[in-house]
PDB file of N, CA and C in Angstrom:
ATOM      1  N   MET A   1       2.936  10.837 -17.897  1.00  0.00           N
ATOM      2  CA  MET A   1       2.809  10.819 -16.542  1.00  0.00           C
ATOM      3  C   MET A   1       3.651  10.055 -15.392  1.00  0.00           C
ATOM      4  N   ASN A   2       4.437  11.183 -14.457  1.00  0.00           N
ATOM      5  CA  ASN A   2       5.589  10.217 -13.899  1.00  0.00           C
ATOM      6  C   ASN A   2       5.347  10.269 -12.198  1.00  0.00           C
ATOM      7  N   VAL A   3       5.078   9.097 -11.475  1.00  0.00           N
ATOM      8  CA  VAL A   3       4.820   9.082  -9.958  1.00  0.00           C
ATOM      9  C   VAL A   3       6.284   8.505  -9.304  1.00  0.00           C
ATOM     10  N   LYS A   4       6.339   9.428  -8.185  1.00  0.00           N
ATOM     11  CA  LYS A   4       7.690   9.699  -7.614  1.00  0.00           C
ATOM     12  C   LYS A   4       7.465   9.054  -6.383  1.00  0.00           C
ATOM     13  N   VAL A   5       7.792   7.846  -5.252  1.00  0.00           N
ATOM     14  CA  VAL A   5       7.216   8.634  -4.056  1.00  0.00           C
ATOM     15  C   VAL A   5       8.033   9.070  -3.211  1.00  0.00           C
ATOM     16  N   VAL A   6       7.450  10.003  -2.350  1.00  0.00           N
ATOM     17  CA  VAL A   6       7.966  10.964  -1.511  1.00  0.00           C
ATOM     18  C   VAL A   6       8.483  10.623   0.119  1.00  0.00           C
ATOM     19  N   LYS A   7       7.601   9.603   0.324  1.00  0.00           N
ATOM     20  CA  LYS A   7       7.549   9.650   1.790  1.00  0.00           C
ATOM     21  C   LYS A   7       6.697   7.887   1.896  1.00  0.00           C
ATOM     22  N   ARG A   8       7.095   6.950   2.127  1.00  0.00           N
ATOM     23  CA  ARG A   8       6.782   5.805   3.054  1.00  0.00           C
ATOM     24  C   ARG A   8       6.652   5.332   4.361  1.00  0.00           C
ATOM     25  N   ALA A   9       5.902   5.140   4.818  1.00  0.00           N
ATOM     26  CA  ALA A   9       5.780   4.881   6.280  1.00  0.00           C
ATOM     27  C   ALA A   9       4.606   3.419   6.046  1.00  0.00           C
ATOM     28  N   LYS A  10       5.260   3.075   7.567  1.00  0.00           N
ATOM     29  CA  LYS A  10       3.731   2.039   8.054  1.00  0.00           C
ATOM     30  C   LYS A  10       1.805   2.833   7.806  1.00  0.00           C
ATOM     31  N   GLY A  11       1.764   2.421   6.966  1.00  0.00           N
ATOM     32  CA  GLY A  11       0.076   2.968   6.866  1.00  0.00           C
ATOM     33  C   GLY A  11       0.292   4.644   6.480  1.00  0.00           C
ATOM     34  N   LEU A  12       1.294   4.840   5.636  1.00  0.00           N
ATOM     35  CA  LEU A  12       1.364   6.070   5.270  1.00  0.00           C
ATOM     36  C   LEU A  12       2.196   6.153   3.530  1.00  0.00           C
ATOM     37  N   LEU A  13       1.351   6.992   2.639  1.00  0.00           N
ATOM     38  CA  LEU A  13       2.170   7.186   1.426  1.00  0.00           C
ATOM     39  C   LEU A  13       1.991   8.531   0.925  1.00  0.00           C
ATOM     40  N   LYS A  14       3.076   9.206   0.640  1.00  0.00           N
ATOM     41  CA  LYS A  14       3.339  10.438  -0.148  1.00  0.00           C
ATOM     42  C   LYS A  14       3.899  10.104  -1.328  1.00  0.00           C
ATOM     43  N   VAL A  15       3.039  10.387  -2.135  1.00  0.00           N
ATOM     44  CA  VAL A  15       3.536  10.200  -3.716  1.00  0.00           C
ATOM     45  C   VAL A  15       3.406  11.557  -4.702  1.00  0.00           C
ATOM     46  N   GLU A  16       4.822  11.584  -5.326  1.00  0.00           N
ATOM     47  CA  GLU A  16       4.683  12.979  -6.218  1.00  0.00           C
ATOM     48  C   GLU A  16       4.054  12.686  -7.467  1.00  0.00           C
ATOM     49  N   ILE A  17       3.271  13.581  -8.455  1.00  0.00           N
ATOM     50  CA  ILE A  17       2.895  13.163  -9.523  1.00  0.00           C
ATOM     51  C   ILE A  17       3.399  14.137 -10.520  1.00  0.00           C
ATOM     52  N   GLU A  18       3.784  13.792 -11.742  1.00  0.00           N
ATOM     53  CA  GLU A  18       4.511  15.102 -12.396  1.00  0.00           C
ATOM     54  C   GLU A  18       3.391  15.448 -13.604  1.00  0.00           C
ATOM     55  N   GLY A  19       3.671  16.457 -13.513  1.00  0.00           N
ATOM     56  CA  GLY A  19       2.674  16.879 -15.133  1.00  0.00           C
ATOM     57  C   GLY A  19       0.792  16.962 -14.978  1.00  0.00           C
ATOM     58  N   GLU A  20       0.631  17.100 -13.349  1.00  0.00           N
ATOM     59  CA  GLU A  20      -0.808  16.995 -13.385  1.00  0.00           C
ATOM     60  C   GLU A  20      -1.279  18.288 -12.680  1.00  0.00           C
ATOM     61  N   GLY A  21      -2.288  18.536 -12.291  1.00  0.00           N
ATOM     62  CA  GLY A  21      -2.822  19.515 -11.258  1.00  0.00           C
ATOM     63  C   GLY A  21      -3.866  19.635 -10.801  1.00  0.00           C
ATOM     64  N   HIS A  22      -4.389  20.509 -10.582  1.00  0.00           N
ATOM     65  CA  HIS A  22      -5.818  20.882  -9.315  1.00  0.00           C
ATOM     66  C   HIS A  22      -6.354  19.541  -9.436  1.00  0.00           C
ATOM     67  N   THR A  23      -6.948  19.425 -10.601  1.00  0.00           N
ATOM     68  CA  THR A  23      -7.776  18.410 -11.568  1.00  0.00           C
ATOM     69  C   THR A  23      -7.862  17.200 -11.213  1.00  0.00           C
ATOM     70  N   PHE A  24      -6.290  16.649 -11.556  1.00  0.00           N
ATOM     71  CA  PHE A  24      -6.167  15.343 -11.579  1.00  0.00           C
ATOM     72  C   PHE A  24      -6.133  14.766  -9.595  1.00  0.00           C
ATOM     73  N   GLY A  25      -5.122  15.699  -8.765  1.00  0.00           N
ATOM     74  CA  GLY A  25      -5.051  15.807  -7.754  1.00  0.00           C
ATOM     75  C   GLY A  25      -6.502  15.780  -6.861  1.00  0.00           C
ATOM     76  N   HIS A  26      -7.365  16.851  -6.950  1.00  0.00           N
ATOM     77  CA  HIS A  26      -8.652  16.610  -6.407  1.00  0.00           C
ATOM     78  C   HIS A  26      -9.140  15.356  -6.772  1.00  0.00           C
ATOM     79  N   LEU A  27      -9.293  14.784  -8.398  1.00  0.00           N
ATOM     80  CA  LEU A  27     -10.334  13.377  -7.998  1.00  0.00           C
ATOM     81  C   LEU A  27      -9.582  12.494  -7.346  1.00  0.00           C
ATOM     82  N   LEU A  28      -8.167  12.140  -7.334  1.00  0.00           N
ATOM     83  CA  LEU A  28      -7.586  11.007  -7.032  1.00  0.00           C
ATOM     84  C   LEU A  28      -8.034  11.210  -4.952  1.00  0.00           C
ATOM     85  N   GLN A  29      -7.730  12.279  -4.838  1.00  0.00           N
ATOM     86  CA  GLN A  29      -8.490  12.655  -3.015  1.00  0.00           C
ATOM     87  C   GLN A  29      -9.973  12.152  -2.725  1.00  0.00           C
ATOM     88  N   GLU A  30     -10.779  12.308  -3.835  1.00  0.00           N
ATOM     89  CA  GLU A  30     -12.009  12.137  -3.911  1.00  0.00           C
ATOM     90  C   GLU A  30     -12.138  10.893  -4.171  1.00  0.00           C
ATOM     91  N   SER A  31     -11.630  10.288  -4.508  1.00  0.00           N
ATOM     92  CA  SER A  31     -11.399   8.490  -4.970  1.00  0.00           C
ATOM     93  C   SER A  31     -11.208   7.934  -3.885  1.00  0.00           C
ATOM     94  N   LEU A  32      -9.954   8.644  -3.521  1.00  0.00           N
ATOM     95  CA  LEU A  32      -8.834   7.626  -2.101  1.00  0.00           C
ATOM     96  C   LEU A  32      -9.997   7.820  -1.136  1.00  0.00           C
ATOM     97  N   LEU A  33     -10.921   8.950  -0.637  1.00  0.00           N
ATOM     98  CA  LEU A  33     -11.767   9.048   0.660  1.00  0.00           C
ATOM     99  C   LEU A  33     -12.844   8.181   0.269  1.00  0.00           C
ATOM    100  N   GLU A  34     -13.408   7.317  -1.043  1.00  0.00           N
ATOM    101  CA  GLU A  34     -14.281   6.944  -0.780  1.00  0.00           C
ATOM    102  C   GLU A  34     -14.275   5.289   0.004  1.00  0.00           C
ATOM    103  N   ASP A  35     -12.713   5.457  -0.250  1.00  0.00           N
ATOM    104  CA  ASP A  35     -12.468   4.257   0.218  1.00  0.00           C
ATOM    105  C   ASP A  35     -12.144   3.816   1.587  1.00  0.00           C
ATOM    106  N   LYS A  36     -13.167   2.868   2.482  1.00  0.00           N
ATOM    107  CA  LYS A  36     -13.424   2.589   3.673  1.00  0.00           C
ATOM    108  C   LYS A  36     -12.167   2.708   4.438  1.00  0.00           C
ATOM    109  N   ASN A  37     -11.003   1.777   4.268  1.00  0.00           N
ATOM    110  CA  ASN A  37      -9.658   1.393   4.538  1.00  0.00           C
ATOM    111  C   ASN A  37      -8.983   2.855   5.198  1.00  0.00           C
ATOM    112  N   VAL A  38      -9.385   3.896   4.359  1.00  0.00           N
ATOM    113  CA  VAL A  38      -8.210   5.425   3.844  1.00  0.00           C
ATOM    114  C   VAL A  38      -9.147   6.116   5.116  1.00  0.00           C
ATOM    115  N   ASP A  39      -8.304   6.426   6.405  1.00  0.00           N
ATOM    116  CA  ASP A  39      -7.997   7.689   7.382  1.00  0.00           C
ATOM    117  C   ASP A  39      -8.528   8.757   6.986  1.00  0.00           C
ATOM    118  N   TRP A  40      -7.397   9.246   5.714  1.00  0.00           N
ATOM    119  CA  TRP A  40      -7.092  10.570   5.391  1.00  0.00           C
ATOM    120  C   TRP A  40      -6.926  10.440   4.354  1.00  0.00           C
ATOM    121  N   ALA A  41      -7.108  11.274   2.928  1.00  0.00           N
ATOM    122  CA  ALA A  41      -6.272  11.673   2.165  1.00  0.00           C
ATOM    123  C   ALA A  41      -5.947  12.867   1.935  1.00  0.00           C
ATOM    124  N   GLY A  42      -5.073  13.617   1.082  1.00  0.00           N
ATOM    125  CA  GLY A  42      -5.733  14.876   0.396  1.00  0.00           C
ATOM    126  C   GLY A  42      -4.272  14.908  -0.489  1.00  0.00           C
ATOM    127  N   TYR A  43      -3.942  16.169  -0.706  1.00  0.00           N
ATOM    128  CA  TYR A  43      -3.403  16.651  -2.058  1.00  0.00           C
ATOM    129  C   TYR A  43      -2.778  17.801  -1.693  1.00  0.00           C
ATOM    130  N   ASP A  44      -1.874  18.307  -2.281  1.00  0.00           N
ATOM    131  CA  ASP A  44      -1.021  19.682  -2.123  1.00  0.00           C
ATOM    132  C   ASP A  44      -0.360  19.956  -3.645  1.00  0.00           C
ATOM    133  N   LEU A  45      -0.541  21.426  -4.150  1.00  0.00           N
ATOM    134  CA  LEU A  45       0.170  21.696  -5.242  1.00  0.00           C
ATOM    135  C   LEU A  45       1.091  22.741  -4.815  1.00  0.00           C
ATOM    136  N   PRO A  46       2.508  22.558  -4.203  1.00  0.00           N
ATOM    137  CA  PRO A  46       3.006  23.617  -3.876  1.00  0.00           C
ATOM    138  C   PRO A  46       3.858  24.622  -4.549  1.00  0.00           C
ATOM    139  N   HIS A  47       3.253  24.728  -5.969  1.00  0.00           N
ATOM    140  CA  HIS A  47       3.921  25.977  -6.390  1.00  0.00           C
ATOM    141  C   HIS A  47       2.898  25.903  -7.779  1.00  0.00           C
ATOM    142  N   PRO A  48       2.694  26.635  -8.129  1.00  0.00           N
ATOM    143  CA  PRO A  48       1.451  27.336  -9.352  1.00  0.00           C
ATOM    144  C   PRO A  48       2.178  26.960 -10.311  1.00  0.00           C
ATOM    145  N   LEU A  49       3.547  27.228 -10.664  1.00  0.00           N
ATOM    146  CA  LEU A  49       3.629  27.192 -11.988  1.00  0.00           C
ATOM    147  C   LEU A  49       4.540  25.626 -12.327  1.00  0.00           C
ATOM    148  N   PHE A  50       4.664  25.078 -11.298  1.00  0.00           N
ATOM    149  CA  PHE A  50       4.893  23.489 -11.656  1.00  0.00           C
ATOM    150  C   PHE A  50       4.076  22.609 -11.328  1.00  0.00           C
ATOM    151  N   PRO A  51       3.233  21.854 -11.988  1.00  0.00           N
ATOM    152  CA  PRO A  51       1.870  21.267 -11.797  1.00  0.00           C
ATOM    153  C   PRO A  51       2.186  19.638 -11.250  1.00  0.00           C
ATOM    154  N   GLN A  52       2.545  19.650 -10.178  1.00  0.00           N
ATOM    155  CA  GLN A  52       3.325  18.325  -9.431  1.00  0.00           C
ATOM    156  C   GLN A  52       2.419  18.192  -8.148  1.00  0.00           C
ATOM    157  N   PRO A  53       1.554  17.712  -8.281  1.00  0.00           N
ATOM    158  CA  PRO A  53       0.503  17.547  -6.732  1.00  0.00           C
ATOM    159  C   PRO A  53       1.274  16.715  -6.346  1.00  0.00           C
ATOM    160  N   ILE A  54       1.259  16.714  -4.925  1.00  0.00           N
ATOM    161  CA  ILE A  54       1.570  15.549  -3.923  1.00  0.00           C
ATOM    162  C   ILE A  54       0.597  15.307  -3.336  1.00  0.00           C
ATOM    163  N   VAL A  55       0.258  13.843  -3.670  1.00  0.00           N
ATOM    164  CA  VAL A  55      -0.529  13.146  -3.000  1.00  0.00           C
ATOM    165  C   VAL A  55      -0.304  12.375  -1.569  1.00  0.00           C
ATOM    166  N   THR A  56      -1.245  12.619  -0.854  1.00  0.00           N
ATOM    167  CA  THR A  56      -1.104  11.958   0.344  1.00  0.00           C
ATOM    168  C   THR A  56      -2.055  11.183   1.277  1.00  0.00           C
ATOM    169  N   VAL A  57      -1.707   9.926   1.815  1.00  0.00           N
ATOM    170  CA  VAL A  57      -2.748   8.746   1.681  1.00  0.00           C
ATOM    171  C   VAL A  57      -2.473   7.792   3.550  1.00  0.00           C
ATOM    172  N   ARG A  58      -3.377   8.134   4.441  1.00  0.00           N
ATOM    173  CA  ARG A  58      -3.353   7.359   5.511  1.00  0.00           C
ATOM    174  C   ARG A  58      -4.539   6.463   6.081  1.00  0.00           C
ATOM    175  N   MET A  59      -3.609   5.722   5.722  1.00  0.00           N
ATOM    176  CA  MET A  59      -4.677   4.526   6.096  1.00  0.00           C
ATOM    177  C   MET A  59      -5.105   3.848   7.907  1.00  0.00           C
ATOM    178  N   LYS A  60      -6.188   3.255   7.415  1.00  0.00           N
ATOM    179  CA  LYS A  60      -6.975   2.869   9.250  1.00  0.00           C
ATOM    180  C   LYS A  60      -6.026   1.795   9.479  1.00  0.00           C
ATOM    181  N   GLY A  61      -5.852   1.165  10.633  1.00  0.00           N
ATOM    182  CA  GLY A  61      -5.392  -0.271  10.768  1.00  0.00           C
ATOM    183  C   GLY A  61      -3.831  -0.478   9.895  1.00  0.00           C
ATOM    184  N   GLU A  62      -4.327  -1.552   9.476  1.00  0.00           N
ATOM    185  CA  GLU A  62      -3.133  -2.346   8.732  1.00  0.00           C
ATOM    186  C   GLU A  62      -3.420  -2.530   7.333  1.00  0.00           C
ATOM    187  N   ALA A  63      -3.926  -1.732   6.835  1.00  0.00           N
ATOM    188  CA  ALA A  63      -4.121  -1.394   5.606  1.00  0.00           C
ATOM    189  C   ALA A  63      -3.324  -0.979   4.765  1.00  0.00           C
ATOM    190  N   ILE A  64      -2.985  -1.288   3.224  1.00  0.00           N
ATOM    191  CA  ILE A  64      -1.757  -0.863   2.766  1.00  0.00           C
ATOM    192  C   ILE A  64      -2.128   0.419   1.887  1.00  0.00           C
ATOM    193  N   PRO A  65      -0.983   1.354   1.946  1.00  0.00           N
ATOM    194  CA  PRO A  65      -1.706   2.672   0.889  1.00  0.00           C
ATOM    195  C   PRO A  65      -1.497   2.593  -0.342  1.00  0.00           C
ATOM    196  N   GLU A  66      -0.330   1.723  -0.817  1.00  0.00           N
ATOM    197  CA  GLU A  66      -0.676   1.396  -2.219  1.00  0.00           C
ATOM    198  C   GLU A  66      -1.830   0.622  -3.081  1.00  0.00           C
ATOM    199  N   LYS A  67      -2.177  -0.258  -2.343  1.00  0.00           N
ATOM    200  CA  LYS A  67      -3.599  -1.055  -2.764  1.00  0.00           C
ATOM    201  C   LYS A  67      -4.499  -0.150  -2.817  1.00  0.00           C
ATOM    202  N   ALA A  68      -4.951   0.869  -1.703  1.00  0.00           N
ATOM    203  CA  ALA A  68      -5.549   2.010  -1.885  1.00  0.00           C
ATOM    204  C   ALA A  68      -5.644   2.611  -3.013  1.00  0.00           C
ATOM    205  N   LEU A  69      -4.315   3.135  -3.441  1.00  0.00           N
ATOM    206  CA  LEU A  69      -4.095   4.148  -4.780  1.00  0.00           C
ATOM    207  C   LEU A  69      -4.311   3.570  -5.886  1.00  0.00           C
ATOM    208  N   GLU A  70      -3.903   2.060  -5.625  1.00  0.00           N
ATOM    209  CA  GLU A  70      -4.560   1.188  -7.150  1.00  0.00           C
ATOM    210  C   GLU A  70      -5.557   1.233  -7.147  1.00  0.00           C
ATOM    211  N   ARG A  71      -6.190   1.129  -5.852  1.00  0.00           N
ATOM    212  CA  ARG A  71      -7.824   0.873  -5.593  1.00  0.00           C
ATOM    213  C   ARG A  71      -8.809   2.267  -6.967  1.00  0.00           C
ATOM    214  N   ALA A  72      -8.357   3.271  -5.835  1.00  0.00           N
ATOM    215  CA  ALA A  72      -8.845   4.298  -6.663  1.00  0.00           C
ATOM    216  C   ALA A  72      -8.203   4.969  -7.909  1.00  0.00           C
ATOM    217  N   SER A  73      -7.438   4.178  -8.309  1.00  0.00           N
ATOM    218  CA  SER A  73      -6.529   4.712  -9.751  1.00  0.00           C
ATOM    219  C   SER A  73      -7.967   3.536 -10.725  1.00  0.00           C
ATOM    220  N   LYS A  74      -8.217   2.615 -10.528  1.00  0.00           N
ATOM    221  CA  LYS A  74      -8.996   1.722 -10.901  1.00  0.00           C
ATOM    222  C   LYS A  74     -10.795   2.694 -11.368  1.00  0.00           C
ATOM    223  N   LYS A  75     -10.407   2.401  -9.969  1.00  0.00           N
ATOM    224  CA  LYS A  75     -12.093   3.408 -10.513  1.00  0.00           C
ATOM    225  C   LYS A  75     -12.420   4.464 -11.211  1.00  0.00           C
ATOM    226  N   ILE A  76     -11.060   5.307 -11.315  1.00  0.00           N
ATOM    227  CA  ILE A  76     -10.931   6.668 -11.758  1.00  0.00           C
ATOM    228  C   ILE A  76     -11.334   6.253 -13.676  1.00  0.00           C
ATOM    229  N   ARG A  77     -10.457   4.627 -13.820  1.00  0.00           N
ATOM    230  CA  ARG A  77     -10.695   4.730 -14.799  1.00  0.00           C
ATOM    231  C   ARG A  77     -11.796   4.330 -15.308  1.00  0.00           C
ATOM    232  N   GLN A  78     -12.317   3.675 -14.549  1.00  0.00           N
ATOM    233  CA  GLN A  78     -13.957   2.694 -14.748  1.00  0.00           C
ATOM    234  C   GLN A  78     -14.675   3.795 -15.598  1.00  0.00           C
ATOM    235  N   ASP A  79     -14.735   4.972 -14.018  1.00  0.00           N
ATOM    236  CA  ASP A  79     -15.521   5.801 -14.003  1.00  0.00           C
ATOM    237  C   ASP A  79     -15.721   6.956 -15.556  1.00  0.00           C
ATOM    238  N   THR A  80     -14.137   7.214 -15.867  1.00  0.00           N
ATOM    239  CA  THR A  80     -14.121   7.775 -16.946  1.00  0.00           C
ATOM    240  C   THR A  80     -14.322   6.686 -18.016  1.00  0.00           C
ATOM    241  N   GLU A  81     -14.006   5.473 -18.079  1.00  0.00           N
ATOM    242  CA  GLU A  81     -14.439   4.643 -19.205  1.00  0.00           C
ATOM    243  C   GLU A  81     -16.216   5.182 -19.290  1.00  0.00           C
ATOM    244  N   GLU A  82     -16.736   4.587 -18.249  1.00  0.00           N
ATOM    245  CA  GLU A  82     -18.614   4.481 -18.291  1.00  0.00           C
ATOM    246  C   GLU A  82     -18.737   5.909 -18.906  1.00  0.00           C
ATOM    247  N   PHE A  83     -18.072   7.316 -18.439  1.00  0.00           N
ATOM    248  CA  PHE A  83     -18.371   8.250 -18.916  1.00  0.00           C
ATOM    249  C   PHE A  83     -18.333   8.733 -20.182  1.00  0.00           C
ATOM    250  N   ILE A  84     -17.505   7.890 -20.810  1.00  0.00           N
ATOM    251  CA  ILE A  84     -17.297   8.107 -22.441  1.00  0.00           C
ATOM    252  C   ILE A  84     -18.301   7.206 -23.487  1.00  0.00           C
ATOM    253  N   GLU A  85     -18.314   6.058 -22.688  1.00  0.00           N
ATOM    254  CA  GLU A  85     -19.772   5.147 -23.160  1.00  0.00           C
ATOM    255  C   GLU A  85     -20.791   5.471 -23.164  1.00  0.00           C
ATOM    256  N   LYS A  86     -21.215   6.347 -21.914  1.00  0.00           N
ATOM    257  CA  LYS A  86     -22.505   6.863 -22.030  1.00  0.00           C
ATOM    258  C   LYS A  86     -22.361   8.504 -23.347  1.00  0.00           C
ATOM    259  N   PHE A  87     -21.243   9.045 -22.756  1.00  0.00           N
ATOM    260  CA  PHE A  87     -21.251  10.419 -23.628  1.00  0.00           C
ATOM    261  C   PHE A  87     -21.690   9.893 -25.434  1.00  0.00           C
ATOM    262  N   SER A  88     -20.421   8.704 -25.778  1.00  0.00           N
ATOM    263  CA  SER A  88     -21.020   8.366 -27.066  1.00  0.00           C
ATOM    264  C   SER A  88     -21.992   8.139 -27.288  1.00  0.00           C
ATOM    265  N   SER A  89     -22.952   7.256 -27.007  1.00  0.00           N
ATOM    266  CA  SER A  89     -24.164   6.535 -26.860  1.00  0.00           C
ATOM    267  C   SER A  89     -25.262   7.957 -27.229  1.00  0.00           C
ATOM    268  N   SER A  90     -24.799   8.875 -26.327  1.00  0.00           N
ATOM    269  CA  SER A  90     -25.683  10.057 -25.982  1.00  0.00           C
ATOM    270  C   SER A  90     -25.498  10.709 -27.436  1.00  0.00           C
ATOM    271  N   ILE A  91     -24.652  11.347 -28.120  1.00  0.00           N
ATOM    272  CA  ILE A  91     -24.404  12.205 -29.291  1.00  0.00           C
ATOM    273  C   ILE A  91     -24.793  11.033 -30.223  1.00  0.00           C
ATOM    274  N   LYS A  92     -24.488   9.806 -30.509  1.00  0.00           N
ATOM    275  CA  LYS A  92     -24.753   9.033 -31.375  1.00  0.00           C
ATOM    276  C   LYS A  92     -26.304   9.101 -31.533  1.00  0.00           C
ATOM    277  N   ASN A  93     -27.121   9.067 -30.297  1.00  0.00           N
ATOM    278  CA  ASN A  93     -28.809   8.978 -29.985  1.00  0.00           C
ATOM    279  C   ASN A  93     -29.205  10.755 -30.824  1.00  0.00           C
ATOM    280  N   GLU A  94     -28.562  11.485 -30.420  1.00  0.00           N
ATOM    281  CA  GLU A  94     -28.974  12.733 -31.156  1.00  0.00           C
ATOM    282  C   GLU A  94     -28.997  13.164 -32.644  1.00  0.00           C
ATOM    283  N   THR A  95     -27.955  12.230 -33.285  1.00  0.00           N
ATOM    284  CA  THR A  95     -28.068  12.843 -34.986  1.00  0.00           C
ATOM    285  C   THR A  95     -28.727  11.753 -35.552  1.00  0.00           C
TER     286      THR A  95
END
């Protein structure tokens, strides 16, 4: 996965995520929207044949969008690890 900054302004960040699609774009958007400092977050997949979602996040007040992306990424990782742990435990209990 390669991340490229498309636009950066005060309280706004737009990044392109190479090699991902709707699944990751939507997941990141939802995680960003859970952040109380995020005013608006969304993603766009400009061309269906080139999986490169562009994620945009706009912050409230003086909050920093890069920090919001870091928090969202960490939350996604934690949720994924928790799911894997619970899934593995469930599979072990059934055999």
